Amino acid sequence: MTTTILTLVGSLRGDSHNRQIAEAAAAVAPGDVSIVTYDDLTSIPFYNEDLDVPGAVPAAAAKFRAAVAEADAVLLVSPEYNGTIPAVLKNAIDWASRPYGASSISAKPAAVIGSSMSPYGAVRAHDDARRSLGVAGASVLEDAQLSVGASLDRFAEIHPKDDAELVEQVTAILNALSGAAKEPAAA
């Protein structure tokens, strides 16, 4: 049985280290794990309850909710913007958390990883993302964490997929998400 992990990248820049970490996750995923990176977060309008009307939900938001619903787990790959989570990821969590009581992210295993150029590796953003995911109803794997600091130096001459330590850590997180998705309580 293949586990599908939907990956949401918080940096919109095409060559960001966080996008490269998502690429590394896809490259090193175990054989029973399929990584699907959702590349259309910018098309989703900012969450507004006036737009979230049954039968009239914006197409981009409905498409995103369906992708979350189809996935077995969710992996956020996030930088830190001004000490917190990028708006595009917060907006995605907001849309995935609705409708209340029947959200697509409810009880779905989730983890947060990523990097920043600061020595702290986006720890504050990752803490905020995990908190927001938990409030939204996701089953956040608190032990599945990876915050890579000083990414400009660390990845100056190497792609994250070629960083043995990162590959080992990402593989462990993918295995944890896959294992949690296969547990009966997560189904």
N, C-alpha and C. Protein backbone atom coordinates (compact mmCIF):
# COMPACT_ATOMS: atom_id res chain seq x y z
N MET A 1 0.84 -1.18 0.00
CA MET A 1 0.00 0.00 0.00
C MET A 1 0.89 1.25 0.00
N THR A 2 0.69 2.12 -0.96
CA THR A 2 1.46 3.35 -1.06
C THR A 2 0.82 4.45 -0.23
N THR A 3 1.66 5.18 0.49
CA THR A 3 1.22 6.33 1.27
C THR A 3 1.49 7.59 0.44
N THR A 4 0.47 8.41 0.25
CA THR A 4 0.63 9.66 -0.48
C THR A 4 0.78 10.80 0.51
N ILE A 5 1.91 11.51 0.39
CA ILE A 5 2.19 12.66 1.25
C ILE A 5 2.10 13.91 0.40
N LEU A 6 1.15 14.78 0.73
CA LEU A 6 0.99 16.05 0.04
C LEU A 6 1.96 17.04 0.66
N THR A 7 2.83 17.62 -0.16
CA THR A 7 3.84 18.56 0.31
C THR A 7 3.46 19.97 -0.11
N LEU A 8 3.48 20.88 0.89
CA LEU A 8 3.17 22.28 0.66
C LEU A 8 4.43 23.08 0.96
N VAL A 9 4.92 23.82 -0.02
CA VAL A 9 6.15 24.60 0.14
C VAL A 9 5.79 26.06 0.38
N GLY A 10 6.30 26.61 1.47
CA GLY A 10 5.97 27.98 1.86
C GLY A 10 6.72 29.06 1.12
N SER A 11 7.82 28.71 0.48
CA SER A 11 8.55 29.69 -0.32
C SER A 11 8.09 29.57 -1.76
N LEU A 12 7.69 30.68 -2.34
CA LEU A 12 7.20 30.66 -3.72
C LEU A 12 8.32 30.80 -4.74
N ARG A 13 9.51 31.16 -4.28
CA ARG A 13 10.65 31.34 -5.17
C ARG A 13 11.06 29.99 -5.74
N GLY A 14 11.21 29.92 -7.05
CA GLY A 14 11.46 28.66 -7.74
C GLY A 14 12.70 27.92 -7.29
N ASP A 15 13.75 28.65 -6.90
CA ASP A 15 15.01 28.00 -6.55
C ASP A 15 15.30 28.12 -5.06
N SER A 16 14.26 28.21 -4.24
CA SER A 16 14.47 28.36 -2.80
C SER A 16 15.01 27.06 -2.19
N HIS A 17 15.71 27.20 -1.09
CA HIS A 17 16.22 26.01 -0.41
C HIS A 17 15.08 25.15 0.10
N ASN A 18 13.96 25.77 0.48
CA ASN A 18 12.82 24.98 0.94
C ASN A 18 12.21 24.17 -0.20
N ARG A 19 12.13 24.74 -1.38
CA ARG A 19 11.67 23.97 -2.54
C ARG A 19 12.66 22.84 -2.82
N GLN A 20 13.94 23.11 -2.67
CA GLN A 20 14.95 22.07 -2.88
C GLN A 20 14.83 20.96 -1.84
N ILE A 21 14.47 21.32 -0.61
CA ILE A 21 14.26 20.29 0.41
C ILE A 21 13.05 19.44 0.04
N ALA A 22 12.01 20.06 -0.49
CA ALA A 22 10.84 19.29 -0.96
C ALA A 22 11.25 18.36 -2.10
N GLU A 23 12.09 18.85 -2.99
CA GLU A 23 12.60 18.01 -4.09
C GLU A 23 13.42 16.85 -3.52
N ALA A 24 14.21 17.13 -2.50
CA ALA A 24 15.00 16.07 -1.87
C ALA A 24 14.08 15.02 -1.27
N ALA A 25 12.99 15.46 -0.62
CA ALA A 25 12.04 14.52 -0.05
C ALA A 25 11.47 13.60 -1.13
N ALA A 26 11.13 14.18 -2.26
CA ALA A 26 10.59 13.37 -3.36
C ALA A 26 11.65 12.40 -3.88
N ALA A 27 12.90 12.85 -3.92
CA ALA A 27 13.97 12.01 -4.46
C ALA A 27 14.33 10.85 -3.54
N VAL A 28 14.19 11.04 -2.23
CA VAL A 28 14.62 10.00 -1.30
C VAL A 28 13.46 9.24 -0.67
N ALA A 29 12.25 9.51 -1.10
CA ALA A 29 11.08 8.85 -0.51
C ALA A 29 11.20 7.34 -0.63
N PRO A 30 10.89 6.63 0.45
CA PRO A 30 10.89 5.17 0.38
C PRO A 30 9.93 4.68 -0.71
N GLY A 31 10.12 3.48 -1.17
CA GLY A 31 9.34 2.94 -2.28
C GLY A 31 7.84 2.91 -2.05
N ASP A 32 7.42 2.85 -0.79
CA ASP A 32 5.99 2.80 -0.51
C ASP A 32 5.40 4.18 -0.20
N VAL A 33 6.17 5.24 -0.52
CA VAL A 33 5.73 6.61 -0.26
C VAL A 33 5.75 7.40 -1.56
N SER A 34 4.65 8.06 -1.85
CA SER A 34 4.56 8.93 -3.02
C SER A 34 4.46 10.38 -2.53
N ILE A 35 5.35 11.21 -3.00
CA ILE A 35 5.36 12.63 -2.63
C ILE A 35 4.68 13.41 -3.75
N VAL A 36 3.66 14.16 -3.39
CA VAL A 36 2.96 15.02 -4.34
C VAL A 36 3.12 16.46 -3.84
N THR A 37 3.83 17.27 -4.60
CA THR A 37 4.01 18.68 -4.21
C THR A 37 2.90 19.50 -4.84
N TYR A 38 2.18 20.23 -4.00
CA TYR A 38 1.08 21.07 -4.48
C TYR A 38 1.68 22.40 -4.92
N ASP A 39 1.68 22.66 -6.22
CA ASP A 39 2.35 23.83 -6.77
C ASP A 39 1.42 24.98 -7.14
N ASP A 40 0.20 24.96 -6.63
CA ASP A 40 -0.75 26.00 -7.04
C ASP A 40 -1.31 26.78 -5.84
N LEU A 41 -0.51 26.93 -4.79
CA LEU A 41 -0.98 27.64 -3.61
C LEU A 41 -1.32 29.10 -3.89
N THR A 42 -0.65 29.72 -4.86
CA THR A 42 -0.89 31.14 -5.14
C THR A 42 -2.25 31.38 -5.80
N SER A 43 -2.88 30.36 -6.33
CA SER A 43 -4.19 30.53 -6.95
C SER A 43 -5.33 30.54 -5.95
N ILE A 44 -5.05 30.09 -4.73
CA ILE A 44 -6.10 30.02 -3.71
C ILE A 44 -6.32 31.41 -3.12
N PRO A 45 -7.55 31.93 -3.17
CA PRO A 45 -7.79 33.26 -2.59
C PRO A 45 -7.60 33.23 -1.08
N PHE A 46 -7.33 34.40 -0.49
CA PHE A 46 -7.26 34.46 0.96
C PHE A 46 -8.58 33.98 1.54
N TYR A 47 -8.49 33.21 2.63
CA TYR A 47 -9.70 32.67 3.20
C TYR A 47 -10.65 33.78 3.62
N ASN A 48 -11.91 33.62 3.24
CA ASN A 48 -12.96 34.57 3.57
C ASN A 48 -14.24 33.73 3.65
N GLU A 49 -14.86 33.73 4.80
CA GLU A 49 -16.05 32.91 4.98
C GLU A 49 -17.16 33.27 3.99
N ASP A 50 -17.17 34.51 3.50
CA ASP A 50 -18.16 34.89 2.49
C ASP A 50 -17.95 34.14 1.17
N LEU A 51 -16.70 33.70 0.92
CA LEU A 51 -16.40 32.93 -0.30
C LEU A 51 -16.64 31.43 -0.10
N ASP A 52 -16.64 31.01 1.15
CA ASP A 52 -16.72 29.59 1.47
C ASP A 52 -18.18 29.17 1.65
N VAL A 53 -18.88 29.17 0.52
CA VAL A 53 -20.31 28.88 0.50
C VAL A 53 -20.52 27.57 -0.27
N PRO A 54 -21.21 26.60 0.34
CA PRO A 54 -21.45 25.33 -0.37
C PRO A 54 -21.99 25.57 -1.79
N GLY A 55 -21.35 24.91 -2.73
CA GLY A 55 -21.75 25.04 -4.12
C GLY A 55 -21.12 26.22 -4.83
N ALA A 56 -20.42 27.10 -4.08
CA ALA A 56 -19.82 28.29 -4.70
C ALA A 56 -18.38 28.52 -4.21
N VAL A 57 -17.77 27.51 -3.64
CA VAL A 57 -16.38 27.63 -3.18
C VAL A 57 -15.51 27.90 -4.41
N PRO A 58 -14.57 28.86 -4.33
CA PRO A 58 -13.69 29.12 -5.48
C PRO A 58 -13.02 27.82 -5.95
N ALA A 59 -12.93 27.68 -7.25
CA ALA A 59 -12.40 26.44 -7.84
C ALA A 59 -11.01 26.09 -7.30
N ALA A 60 -10.14 27.08 -7.15
CA ALA A 60 -8.78 26.80 -6.67
C ALA A 60 -8.80 26.26 -5.24
N ALA A 61 -9.69 26.79 -4.41
CA ALA A 61 -9.81 26.31 -3.03
C ALA A 61 -10.40 24.91 -2.99
N ALA A 62 -11.40 24.65 -3.82
CA ALA A 62 -12.00 23.31 -3.88
C ALA A 62 -10.98 22.29 -4.37
N LYS A 63 -10.19 22.66 -5.36
CA LYS A 63 -9.15 21.77 -5.88
C LYS A 63 -8.12 21.46 -4.79
N PHE A 64 -7.74 22.47 -4.02
CA PHE A 64 -6.78 22.26 -2.94
C PHE A 64 -7.36 21.36 -1.86
N ARG A 65 -8.58 21.62 -1.45
CA ARG A 65 -9.22 20.78 -0.43
C ARG A 65 -9.28 19.32 -0.89
N ALA A 66 -9.59 19.11 -2.16
CA ALA A 66 -9.64 17.75 -2.70
C ALA A 66 -8.26 17.09 -2.63
N ALA A 67 -7.21 17.84 -2.93
CA ALA A 67 -5.85 17.28 -2.86
C ALA A 67 -5.49 16.89 -1.44
N VAL A 68 -5.88 17.72 -0.47
CA VAL A 68 -5.63 17.38 0.94
C VAL A 68 -6.43 16.14 1.32
N ALA A 69 -7.69 16.08 0.92
CA ALA A 69 -8.54 14.94 1.24
C ALA A 69 -7.99 13.64 0.65
N GLU A 70 -7.44 13.70 -0.55
CA GLU A 70 -6.92 12.51 -1.22
C GLU A 70 -5.60 12.03 -0.62
N ALA A 71 -4.85 12.93 0.01
CA ALA A 71 -3.55 12.57 0.58
C ALA A 71 -3.73 11.78 1.87
N ASP A 72 -2.73 10.98 2.18
CA ASP A 72 -2.73 10.23 3.43
C ASP A 72 -2.08 11.04 4.56
N ALA A 73 -1.22 11.99 4.20
CA ALA A 73 -0.51 12.81 5.18
C ALA A 73 -0.10 14.12 4.50
N VAL A 74 0.28 15.09 5.33
CA VAL A 74 0.67 16.41 4.82
C VAL A 74 2.03 16.79 5.40
N LEU A 75 2.90 17.30 4.53
CA LEU A 75 4.23 17.77 4.93
C LEU A 75 4.38 19.21 4.51
N LEU A 76 4.55 20.10 5.48
CA LEU A 76 4.83 21.50 5.18
C LEU A 76 6.33 21.70 5.16
N VAL A 77 6.83 22.40 4.14
CA VAL A 77 8.24 22.74 4.04
C VAL A 77 8.29 24.27 4.06
N SER A 78 8.74 24.80 5.20
CA SER A 78 8.53 26.22 5.43
C SER A 78 9.80 26.99 5.79
N PRO A 79 9.96 28.16 5.18
CA PRO A 79 10.94 29.12 5.66
C PRO A 79 10.31 29.91 6.81
N GLU A 80 11.00 30.94 7.25
CA GLU A 80 10.46 31.83 8.28
C GLU A 80 10.44 33.24 7.71
N TYR A 81 9.25 33.84 7.71
CA TYR A 81 9.11 35.22 7.22
C TYR A 81 8.73 36.10 8.40
N ASN A 82 9.61 37.03 8.74
CA ASN A 82 9.36 37.95 9.86
C ASN A 82 8.96 37.23 11.13
N GLY A 83 9.64 36.13 11.39
CA GLY A 83 9.45 35.40 12.63
C GLY A 83 8.29 34.44 12.67
N THR A 84 7.64 34.20 11.54
CA THR A 84 6.48 33.30 11.56
C THR A 84 6.30 32.59 10.22
N ILE A 85 5.20 31.91 10.09
CA ILE A 85 4.85 31.11 8.92
C ILE A 85 4.51 32.02 7.72
N PRO A 86 4.92 31.66 6.52
CA PRO A 86 4.53 32.44 5.35
C PRO A 86 3.01 32.46 5.16
N ALA A 87 2.49 33.56 4.69
CA ALA A 87 1.04 33.74 4.53
C ALA A 87 0.43 32.67 3.63
N VAL A 88 1.16 32.23 2.62
CA VAL A 88 0.60 31.25 1.69
C VAL A 88 0.32 29.92 2.40
N LEU A 89 1.15 29.55 3.37
CA LEU A 89 0.90 28.31 4.12
C LEU A 89 -0.22 28.49 5.12
N LYS A 90 -0.27 29.63 5.78
CA LYS A 90 -1.35 29.89 6.74
C LYS A 90 -2.68 29.87 6.00
N ASN A 91 -2.74 30.48 4.83
CA ASN A 91 -3.97 30.49 4.04
C ASN A 91 -4.38 29.06 3.64
N ALA A 92 -3.40 28.25 3.27
CA ALA A 92 -3.69 26.86 2.90
C ALA A 92 -4.28 26.10 4.10
N ILE A 93 -3.69 26.30 5.27
CA ILE A 93 -4.22 25.64 6.47
C ILE A 93 -5.64 26.12 6.74
N ASP A 94 -5.89 27.42 6.59
CA ASP A 94 -7.23 27.95 6.82
C ASP A 94 -8.26 27.29 5.90
N TRP A 95 -7.96 27.18 4.62
CA TRP A 95 -8.89 26.56 3.68
C TRP A 95 -9.06 25.07 3.99
N ALA A 96 -7.96 24.39 4.34
CA ALA A 96 -8.05 22.95 4.63
C ALA A 96 -8.84 22.67 5.90
N SER A 97 -8.90 23.65 6.81
CA SER A 97 -9.58 23.44 8.08
C SER A 97 -11.10 23.55 8.00
N ARG A 98 -11.61 23.97 6.88
CA ARG A 98 -13.05 24.17 6.72
C ARG A 98 -13.61 23.15 5.75
N PRO A 99 -14.88 22.83 5.78
CA PRO A 99 -15.88 23.32 6.72
C PRO A 99 -15.68 22.71 8.10
N TYR A 100 -16.03 23.48 9.09
CA TYR A 100 -15.87 23.06 10.48
C TYR A 100 -16.57 21.71 10.69
N GLY A 101 -15.85 20.78 11.30
CA GLY A 101 -16.41 19.47 11.58
C GLY A 101 -16.27 18.47 10.45
N ALA A 102 -15.91 18.94 9.26
CA ALA A 102 -15.76 18.03 8.11
C ALA A 102 -14.59 18.46 7.23
N SER A 103 -13.54 18.94 7.86
CA SER A 103 -12.41 19.46 7.08
C SER A 103 -11.60 18.34 6.44
N SER A 104 -10.89 18.69 5.39
CA SER A 104 -10.07 17.71 4.67
C SER A 104 -8.79 17.36 5.43
N ILE A 105 -8.42 18.16 6.41
CA ILE A 105 -7.17 17.91 7.15
C ILE A 105 -7.41 17.25 8.50
N SER A 106 -8.65 17.08 8.87
CA SER A 106 -9.00 16.52 10.17
C SER A 106 -8.38 15.14 10.37
N ALA A 107 -7.62 14.98 11.45
CA ALA A 107 -6.96 13.72 11.84
C ALA A 107 -5.88 13.26 10.87
N LYS A 108 -5.54 14.09 9.90
CA LYS A 108 -4.51 13.72 8.92
C LYS A 108 -3.12 13.91 9.54
N PRO A 109 -2.24 12.90 9.48
CA PRO A 109 -0.89 13.08 9.99
C PRO A 109 -0.19 14.24 9.26
N ALA A 110 0.54 15.06 10.03
CA ALA A 110 1.21 16.23 9.45
C ALA A 110 2.54 16.45 10.15
N ALA A 111 3.48 16.99 9.40
CA ALA A 111 4.78 17.36 9.94
C ALA A 111 5.25 18.63 9.25
N VAL A 112 6.19 19.32 9.90
CA VAL A 112 6.73 20.58 9.38
C VAL A 112 8.25 20.50 9.39
N ILE A 113 8.84 20.80 8.23
CA ILE A 113 10.29 20.85 8.10
C ILE A 113 10.65 22.10 7.31
N GLY A 114 11.93 22.40 7.19
CA GLY A 114 12.34 23.50 6.34
C GLY A 114 13.62 24.15 6.83
N SER A 115 13.92 25.28 6.20
CA SER A 115 15.19 25.95 6.48
C SER A 115 15.03 27.46 6.39
N SER A 116 16.03 28.13 6.92
CA SER A 116 16.14 29.58 6.75
C SER A 116 17.62 29.94 6.79
N MET A 117 17.90 31.16 6.37
CA MET A 117 19.29 31.59 6.38
C MET A 117 19.76 31.94 7.79
N SER A 118 18.85 32.11 8.73
CA SER A 118 19.23 32.39 10.11
C SER A 118 19.81 31.13 10.74
N PRO A 119 20.57 31.29 11.79
CA PRO A 119 21.13 30.09 12.44
C PRO A 119 20.07 29.23 13.13
N TYR A 120 18.87 29.78 13.32
CA TYR A 120 17.82 29.06 14.04
C TYR A 120 16.97 28.16 13.15
N GLY A 121 17.09 28.28 11.86
CA GLY A 121 16.44 27.35 10.94
C GLY A 121 14.93 27.41 10.90
N ALA A 122 14.35 28.58 11.10
CA ALA A 122 12.90 28.76 10.98
C ALA A 122 12.12 28.09 12.11
N VAL A 123 12.74 27.91 13.26
CA VAL A 123 12.11 27.23 14.38
C VAL A 123 10.80 27.90 14.78
N ARG A 124 10.77 29.24 14.83
CA ARG A 124 9.54 29.93 15.24
C ARG A 124 8.42 29.68 14.23
N ALA A 125 8.74 29.74 12.96
CA ALA A 125 7.73 29.48 11.93
C ALA A 125 7.22 28.05 12.03
N HIS A 126 8.11 27.11 12.27
CA HIS A 126 7.72 25.71 12.36
C HIS A 126 6.83 25.48 13.58
N ASP A 127 7.16 26.13 14.70
CA ASP A 127 6.30 26.03 15.89
C ASP A 127 4.91 26.59 15.59
N ASP A 128 4.86 27.75 14.92
CA ASP A 128 3.56 28.35 14.56
C ASP A 128 2.78 27.46 13.60
N ALA A 129 3.48 26.87 12.63
CA ALA A 129 2.81 26.00 11.66
C ALA A 129 2.23 24.76 12.33
N ARG A 130 3.01 24.15 13.24
CA ARG A 130 2.51 22.97 13.95
C ARG A 130 1.30 23.33 14.81
N ARG A 131 1.36 24.49 15.47
CA ARG A 131 0.23 24.92 16.30
C ARG A 131 -1.01 25.14 15.43
N SER A 132 -0.85 25.82 14.31
CA SER A 132 -1.97 26.09 13.42
C SER A 132 -2.55 24.79 12.84
N LEU A 133 -1.68 23.88 12.44
CA LEU A 133 -2.15 22.59 11.93
C LEU A 133 -2.94 21.83 13.00
N GLY A 134 -2.44 21.85 14.23
CA GLY A 134 -3.13 21.16 15.31
C GLY A 134 -4.50 21.75 15.60
N VAL A 135 -4.58 23.08 15.64
CA VAL A 135 -5.87 23.73 15.86
C VAL A 135 -6.82 23.42 14.72
N ALA A 136 -6.28 23.29 13.50
CA ALA A 136 -7.10 22.97 12.33
C ALA A 136 -7.59 21.52 12.35
N GLY A 137 -7.03 20.70 13.24
CA GLY A 137 -7.51 19.33 13.36
C GLY A 137 -6.56 18.26 12.86
N ALA A 138 -5.41 18.67 12.32
CA ALA A 138 -4.44 17.68 11.85
C ALA A 138 -3.84 16.94 13.04
N SER A 139 -3.33 15.77 12.78
CA SER A 139 -2.63 14.98 13.80
C SER A 139 -1.13 15.25 13.62
N VAL A 140 -0.64 16.28 14.30
CA VAL A 140 0.73 16.75 14.12
C VAL A 140 1.71 15.81 14.81
N LEU A 141 2.70 15.36 14.08
CA LEU A 141 3.75 14.51 14.63
C LEU A 141 4.81 15.42 15.25
N GLU A 142 4.72 15.63 16.53
CA GLU A 142 5.62 16.57 17.21
C GLU A 142 7.08 16.14 17.16
N ASP A 143 7.34 14.84 17.07
CA ASP A 143 8.72 14.36 17.03
C ASP A 143 9.32 14.38 15.63
N ALA A 144 8.52 14.63 14.63
CA ALA A 144 8.99 14.67 13.24
C ALA A 144 9.29 16.11 12.86
N GLN A 145 10.47 16.58 13.27
CA GLN A 145 10.84 17.97 13.06
C GLN A 145 12.20 18.06 12.41
N LEU A 146 12.36 19.07 11.56
CA LEU A 146 13.66 19.35 10.95
C LEU A 146 13.71 20.83 10.63
N SER A 147 14.57 21.55 11.33
CA SER A 147 14.76 22.98 11.11
C SER A 147 16.23 23.20 10.79
N VAL A 148 16.51 23.49 9.52
CA VAL A 148 17.88 23.63 9.05
C VAL A 148 18.27 25.10 9.07
N GLY A 149 19.27 25.44 9.86
CA GLY A 149 19.74 26.81 9.94
C GLY A 149 20.88 27.07 8.97
N ALA A 150 21.16 28.35 8.77
CA ALA A 150 22.28 28.80 7.93
C ALA A 150 22.26 28.14 6.56
N SER A 151 21.08 28.11 5.95
CA SER A 151 20.93 27.39 4.67
C SER A 151 21.77 27.98 3.55
N LEU A 152 22.03 29.28 3.59
CA LEU A 152 22.86 29.88 2.53
C LEU A 152 24.25 29.28 2.52
N ASP A 153 24.79 29.02 3.69
CA ASP A 153 26.11 28.40 3.78
C ASP A 153 26.03 26.89 3.53
N ARG A 154 25.06 26.25 4.18
CA ARG A 154 24.97 24.80 4.12
C ARG A 154 24.73 24.31 2.69
N PHE A 155 23.90 25.04 1.94
CA PHE A 155 23.57 24.60 0.59
C PHE A 155 24.21 25.48 -0.49
N ALA A 156 25.28 26.16 -0.16
CA ALA A 156 25.96 27.03 -1.13
C ALA A 156 26.53 26.24 -2.29
N GLU A 157 27.03 25.05 -2.00
CA GLU A 157 27.68 24.27 -3.05
C GLU A 157 27.08 22.87 -3.20
N ILE A 158 25.98 22.63 -2.52
CA ILE A 158 25.39 21.29 -2.56
C ILE A 158 23.86 21.41 -2.52
N HIS A 159 23.20 20.59 -3.29
CA HIS A 159 21.73 20.52 -3.26
C HIS A 159 21.35 19.70 -2.02
N PRO A 160 20.26 20.06 -1.35
CA PRO A 160 19.86 19.29 -0.17
C PRO A 160 19.77 17.78 -0.39
N LYS A 161 19.42 17.34 -1.58
CA LYS A 161 19.31 15.89 -1.83
C LYS A 161 20.67 15.19 -1.77
N ASP A 162 21.76 15.99 -1.83
CA ASP A 162 23.10 15.43 -1.75
C ASP A 162 23.73 15.61 -0.37
N ASP A 163 22.95 16.09 0.58
CA ASP A 163 23.40 16.29 1.96
C ASP A 163 22.98 15.05 2.75
N ALA A 164 23.94 14.19 3.08
CA ALA A 164 23.64 12.89 3.69
C ALA A 164 22.86 13.03 5.00
N GLU A 165 23.22 13.99 5.83
CA GLU A 165 22.53 14.17 7.11
C GLU A 165 21.08 14.58 6.89
N LEU A 166 20.85 15.52 5.97
CA LEU A 166 19.49 15.96 5.67
C LEU A 166 18.67 14.81 5.09
N VAL A 167 19.25 14.06 4.18
CA VAL A 167 18.55 12.94 3.56
C VAL A 167 18.11 11.94 4.63
N GLU A 168 18.99 11.65 5.57
CA GLU A 168 18.65 10.71 6.65
C GLU A 168 17.49 11.25 7.49
N GLN A 169 17.53 12.54 7.82
CA GLN A 169 16.49 13.14 8.65
C GLN A 169 15.15 13.20 7.89
N VAL A 170 15.19 13.59 6.64
CA VAL A 170 13.96 13.67 5.83
C VAL A 170 13.36 12.28 5.66
N THR A 171 14.18 11.29 5.40
CA THR A 171 13.69 9.92 5.24
C THR A 171 13.00 9.45 6.52
N ALA A 172 13.57 9.76 7.67
CA ALA A 172 12.95 9.37 8.94
C ALA A 172 11.59 10.04 9.11
N ILE A 173 11.48 11.30 8.71
CA ILE A 173 10.20 12.01 8.82
C ILE A 173 9.17 11.42 7.86
N LEU A 174 9.58 11.11 6.64
CA LEU A 174 8.66 10.49 5.68
C LEU A 174 8.18 9.14 6.20
N ASN A 175 9.09 8.37 6.79
CA ASN A 175 8.69 7.07 7.37
C ASN A 175 7.72 7.26 8.53
N ALA A 176 7.95 8.28 9.35
CA ALA A 176 7.05 8.55 10.47
C ALA A 176 5.66 8.94 9.97
N LEU A 177 5.60 9.80 8.94
CA LEU A 177 4.31 10.18 8.37
C LEU A 177 3.60 8.98 7.76
N SER A 178 4.35 8.17 7.04
CA SER A 178 3.77 6.98 6.41
C SER A 178 3.24 6.02 7.48
N GLY A 179 4.03 5.81 8.53
CA GLY A 179 3.59 4.92 9.60
C GLY A 179 2.34 5.43 10.29
N ALA A 180 2.29 6.74 10.55
CA ALA A 180 1.11 7.32 11.19
C ALA A 180 -0.11 7.23 10.30
N ALA A 181 0.09 7.39 8.99
CA ALA A 181 -1.03 7.31 8.05
C ALA A 181 -1.60 5.90 7.97
N LYS A 182 -0.78 4.90 8.25
CA LYS A 182 -1.23 3.50 8.16
C LYS A 182 -1.87 3.01 9.45
N GLU A 183 -1.75 3.79 10.52
CA GLU A 183 -2.38 3.40 11.79
C GLU A 183 -3.90 3.50 11.66
N PRO A 184 -4.61 2.54 12.22
CA PRO A 184 -6.09 2.55 12.11
C PRO A 184 -6.73 3.83 12.61
N ALA A 185 -6.21 4.45 13.65
CA ALA A 185 -6.82 5.68 14.19
C ALA A 185 -6.70 6.84 13.21
N ALA A 186 -5.69 6.81 12.33
CA ALA A 186 -5.49 7.89 11.37
C ALA A 186 -6.35 7.72 10.14
N ALA A 187 -6.89 6.55 9.94
CA ALA A 187 -7.67 6.27 8.72
C ALA A 187 -9.03 6.89 8.78
